[in-house]
């Protein structure tokens, strides 16, 4: 039997064109709305990196390195010390030379801002990232038998720092995070400044890496210690 080819009806073609036009219209409207709301969305993204815990009396302030040119982290730590939120400040910083490094510079900044030298614990280390710095500070916290600490760091770094420290430190130690303003990162206009944009993208990538490393470390510990349970926040 010979079947005759029937071209698509005009209604079918018209329906396909209409569907395409409606889809295109929705796409244009979506792009317009996204463009119109770009500033509030970008501001929300920047502010989401900044966290500030309710601060209470603690055993020590942990001032993380590296501070910026204006010593904003040291400024915030000295303010918290004067508010008597902790009796000592740990100046944590990388070694740059066998006899000098970031910790010495941060100690100098703290003294300039009114923290007595005998209330400062200089803590040099060889850490390359926040996770390694947290591991080094954990040893100090356990040695001093501290049960609560306030981690002081730059505003853009607070979310990642809290995520890392609360997972690296034992559950017996209460970790709170204090945000220090940063002259190079304005959460409300970060996309307009090259340095702020660089910090935002670097923090995003660093948080992804830290999440993977902490999961890997927890999984490794679980293999070495039978019966070890991964923390709920770290479980896959």
Protein backbone atom coordinates (compact mmCIF):
# COMPACT_ATOMS: atom_id res chain seq x y z
CA UNK A 1 0.00 0.00 0.00
CA UNK A 2 1.30 3.38 -0.95
CA UNK A 3 1.01 6.03 1.77
CA UNK A 4 0.82 9.61 0.71
CA UNK A 5 2.96 12.15 2.58
CA UNK A 6 0.88 14.74 4.33
CA UNK A 7 2.61 17.99 5.23
CA UNK A 8 2.09 19.29 8.79
CA UNK A 9 -1.10 21.18 9.19
CA UNK A 10 -1.06 24.92 9.56
CA UNK A 11 -2.46 24.67 13.10
CA UNK A 12 0.46 22.46 14.18
CA UNK A 13 3.04 24.90 12.84
CA UNK A 14 1.22 27.81 14.42
CA UNK A 15 1.14 26.06 17.80
CA UNK A 16 4.87 25.34 17.70
CA UNK A 17 5.74 28.93 16.84
CA UNK A 18 3.44 30.22 19.59
CA UNK A 19 5.05 27.93 22.19
CA UNK A 20 8.52 29.12 21.14
CA UNK A 21 7.48 32.76 21.40
CA UNK A 22 6.00 32.24 24.87
CA UNK A 23 9.18 30.48 26.06
CA UNK A 24 11.30 33.29 24.65
CA UNK A 25 9.10 35.87 26.33
CA UNK A 26 9.43 34.13 29.70
CA UNK A 27 13.22 33.98 29.26
CA UNK A 28 13.38 37.70 28.46
CA UNK A 29 11.22 38.56 31.48
CA UNK A 30 13.32 36.32 33.75
CA UNK A 31 16.56 37.94 32.57
CA UNK A 32 15.07 41.39 33.08
CA UNK A 33 13.93 40.58 36.63
CA UNK A 34 17.31 39.05 37.41
CA UNK A 35 19.09 42.12 36.09
CA UNK A 36 16.79 44.49 37.99
CA UNK A 37 17.33 42.56 41.25
CA UNK A 38 21.06 42.01 40.78
CA UNK A 39 22.15 44.47 43.48
CA UNK A 40 19.94 43.06 46.29
CA UNK A 41 20.95 39.52 45.29
CA UNK A 42 24.66 40.35 45.20
CA UNK A 43 24.35 42.20 48.51
CA UNK A 44 22.63 39.17 50.03
CA UNK A 45 25.42 36.91 48.74
CA UNK A 46 28.07 39.15 50.30
CA UNK A 47 26.28 39.44 53.63
CA UNK A 48 25.80 35.67 53.78
CA UNK A 49 29.57 35.27 54.29
CA UNK A 50 29.54 37.44 57.41
CA UNK A 51 28.50 35.80 60.68
CA UNK A 52 28.64 37.11 64.24
CA UNK A 53 27.83 34.83 67.15
CA UNK A 54 26.30 36.12 70.38
CA UNK A 55 29.47 36.68 72.40
CA UNK A 56 29.86 35.63 76.02
CA UNK A 57 32.67 35.50 78.57
CA UNK A 58 35.26 33.01 77.28
CA UNK A 59 38.64 31.63 78.25
CA UNK A 60 40.54 33.19 75.35
CA UNK A 61 40.34 35.24 72.17
CA UNK A 62 41.90 33.48 69.18
CA UNK A 63 43.11 36.15 66.77
CA UNK A 64 43.66 34.50 63.40
CA UNK A 65 46.39 35.47 60.94
CA UNK A 66 46.94 36.99 58.48
CA UNK A 67 45.61 40.41 59.40
CA UNK A 68 45.26 43.11 56.75
CA UNK A 69 47.25 46.34 56.29
CA UNK A 70 44.98 48.24 58.68
CA UNK A 71 45.16 45.55 61.41
CA UNK A 72 41.35 45.34 61.51
CA UNK A 73 41.38 41.91 63.17
CA UNK A 74 43.72 43.12 65.93
CA UNK A 75 41.50 46.17 66.40
CA UNK A 76 38.41 44.01 66.97
CA UNK A 77 40.28 41.64 69.28
CA UNK A 78 41.52 44.54 71.40
CA UNK A 79 37.96 45.90 71.63
CA UNK A 80 36.69 42.54 72.85
CA UNK A 81 39.55 42.33 75.36
CA UNK A 82 38.68 45.76 76.76
CA UNK A 83 35.08 44.56 77.08
CA UNK A 84 36.50 41.83 79.35
CA UNK A 85 35.14 39.01 77.21
CA UNK A 86 38.38 37.05 77.71
CA UNK A 87 41.47 37.39 79.90
CA UNK A 88 44.01 36.58 77.16
CA UNK A 89 44.47 37.05 73.41
CA UNK A 90 46.25 34.45 71.28
CA UNK A 91 48.14 36.09 68.41
CA UNK A 92 48.16 33.30 65.84
CA UNK A 93 50.36 33.75 62.78
CA UNK A 94 52.59 32.03 60.24
CA UNK A 95 56.37 31.88 60.65
CA UNK A 96 58.11 33.91 57.97
CA UNK A 97 61.63 33.45 59.34
CA UNK A 98 63.06 31.16 62.02
CA UNK A 99 62.87 34.01 64.55
CA UNK A 100 60.04 36.19 63.24
CA UNK A 101 56.65 36.02 61.58
CA UNK A 102 53.05 37.18 61.50
CA UNK A 103 52.47 36.36 65.19
CA UNK A 104 55.08 38.92 66.27
CA UNK A 105 53.53 41.59 64.08
CA UNK A 106 50.06 40.87 65.43
CA UNK A 107 51.40 41.03 68.99
CA UNK A 108 52.78 44.48 68.20
CA UNK A 109 49.39 45.56 66.78
CA UNK A 110 47.59 44.34 69.91
CA UNK A 111 49.98 46.19 72.24
CA UNK A 112 49.50 49.38 70.21
CA UNK A 113 45.75 49.01 70.73
CA UNK A 114 45.93 48.67 74.48
CA UNK A 115 46.30 44.94 75.19
CA UNK A 116 49.00 44.37 77.85
CA UNK A 117 51.91 42.27 76.63
CA UNK A 118 51.52 39.79 79.47
CA UNK A 119 47.91 39.17 78.32
CA UNK A 120 49.06 38.11 74.83
CA UNK A 121 50.07 34.57 73.91
CA UNK A 122 52.23 34.62 70.81
CA UNK A 123 51.46 31.53 68.75
CA UNK A 124 53.66 31.05 65.65
CA UNK A 125 52.90 28.11 63.38
CA UNK A 126 53.55 26.77 59.87
CA UNK A 127 49.94 26.34 58.73
CA UNK A 128 49.03 27.01 55.10
CA UNK A 129 45.27 27.35 55.53
CA UNK A 130 42.52 27.85 58.09
CA UNK A 131 41.99 24.13 58.69
CA UNK A 132 45.65 23.61 59.56
CA UNK A 133 45.62 26.71 61.76
CA UNK A 134 42.57 25.35 63.59
CA UNK A 135 44.33 22.03 64.15
CA UNK A 136 47.38 23.84 65.56
CA UNK A 137 45.23 26.00 67.84
CA UNK A 138 43.31 22.94 69.02
CA UNK A 139 46.52 21.59 70.55
CA UNK A 140 47.03 24.88 72.42
CA UNK A 141 43.42 24.96 73.63
CA UNK A 142 43.66 21.39 74.93
CA UNK A 143 47.00 22.14 76.61
CA UNK A 144 45.53 25.18 78.38
CA UNK A 145 42.35 23.25 79.25
CA UNK A 146 40.17 26.03 77.85
CA UNK A 147 36.46 25.30 77.49
CA UNK A 148 35.33 28.32 75.47
CA UNK A 149 37.01 30.54 72.90
CA UNK A 150 36.13 33.45 70.64
CA UNK A 151 37.65 33.27 67.16
CA UNK A 152 38.34 36.75 65.77
CA UNK A 153 38.76 37.07 62.02
CA UNK A 154 37.83 39.23 59.01
CA UNK A 155 34.14 39.59 58.13
CA UNK A 156 34.39 37.71 54.81
CA UNK A 157 36.23 34.84 56.54
CA UNK A 158 33.85 34.29 59.46
CA UNK A 159 31.51 31.73 57.90
CA UNK A 160 34.31 29.44 56.76
CA UNK A 161 36.21 29.90 60.02
CA UNK A 162 33.18 28.95 62.12
CA UNK A 163 32.48 25.92 59.91
CA UNK A 164 36.07 24.69 60.30
CA UNK A 165 36.66 25.44 63.99
CA UNK A 166 33.38 23.93 65.15
CA UNK A 167 34.33 20.69 63.41
CA UNK A 168 38.04 20.61 64.29
CA UNK A 169 37.66 21.53 67.96
CA UNK A 170 36.28 18.92 70.38
CA UNK A 171 32.64 19.23 71.39
CA UNK A 172 33.77 20.08 74.94
CA UNK A 173 35.03 23.46 73.69
CA UNK A 174 32.48 26.15 72.84
CA UNK A 175 33.51 28.10 69.76
CA UNK A 176 32.09 31.53 68.98
CA UNK A 177 33.09 33.75 66.08
CA UNK A 178 33.54 37.54 66.12
CA UNK A 179 33.58 39.48 62.86
CA UNK A 180 36.13 42.21 62.24
CA UNK A 181 35.33 44.81 59.60
CA UNK A 182 37.70 44.70 56.66
CA UNK A 183 38.72 47.74 54.64
CA UNK A 184 39.02 45.59 51.51
CA UNK A 185 35.62 43.87 51.76
CA UNK A 186 32.32 45.71 51.90
CA UNK A 187 29.48 43.13 52.00
CA UNK A 188 27.04 45.64 50.52
CA UNK A 189 29.18 46.59 47.50
CA UNK A 190 31.74 43.78 47.16
CA UNK A 191 31.15 43.29 43.42
CA UNK A 192 32.24 46.88 42.70
CA UNK A 193 35.73 46.44 44.13
CA UNK A 194 38.41 44.21 42.63
CA UNK A 195 39.88 43.17 45.99
CA UNK A 196 36.44 42.42 47.42
CA UNK A 197 35.55 40.36 44.37
CA UNK A 198 38.80 38.44 44.75
CA UNK A 199 38.13 37.72 48.44
CA UNK A 200 34.57 36.58 47.73
CA UNK A 201 35.55 34.11 45.01
CA UNK A 202 38.52 32.85 47.01
CA UNK A 203 36.34 32.22 50.07
CA UNK A 204 33.82 30.34 47.95
CA UNK A 205 36.52 28.05 46.56
CA UNK A 206 38.19 27.65 49.97
CA UNK A 207 34.92 26.62 51.63
CA UNK A 208 34.43 23.89 49.03
CA UNK A 209 37.98 22.61 49.64
CA UNK A 210 37.58 22.78 53.43
CA UNK A 211 34.32 20.82 53.28
CA UNK A 212 35.97 18.08 51.24
CA UNK A 213 39.05 17.93 53.48
CA UNK A 214 37.02 17.73 56.69
CA UNK A 215 34.86 14.94 55.27
CA UNK A 216 38.01 13.09 54.23
CA UNK A 217 39.60 13.55 57.66
CA UNK A 218 36.46 12.34 59.44
CA UNK A 219 36.19 9.31 57.18
CA UNK A 220 39.86 8.47 57.82
CA UNK A 221 39.34 8.74 61.59
CA UNK A 222 36.32 6.46 61.34
CA UNK A 223 38.47 3.81 59.64
CA UNK A 224 41.18 4.03 62.31
CA UNK A 225 38.78 4.04 65.27
CA UNK A 226 36.09 1.33 65.16
CA UNK A 227 32.81 2.62 66.49
CA UNK A 228 33.68 6.25 65.71
CA UNK A 229 30.65 8.21 64.53
CA UNK A 230 31.08 11.07 62.10
CA UNK A 231 29.63 14.36 63.34
CA UNK A 232 26.14 14.89 61.92
CA UNK A 233 27.18 18.04 60.05
CA UNK A 234 30.03 16.19 58.34
CA UNK A 235 28.23 13.03 57.32
CA UNK A 236 27.54 12.67 53.61
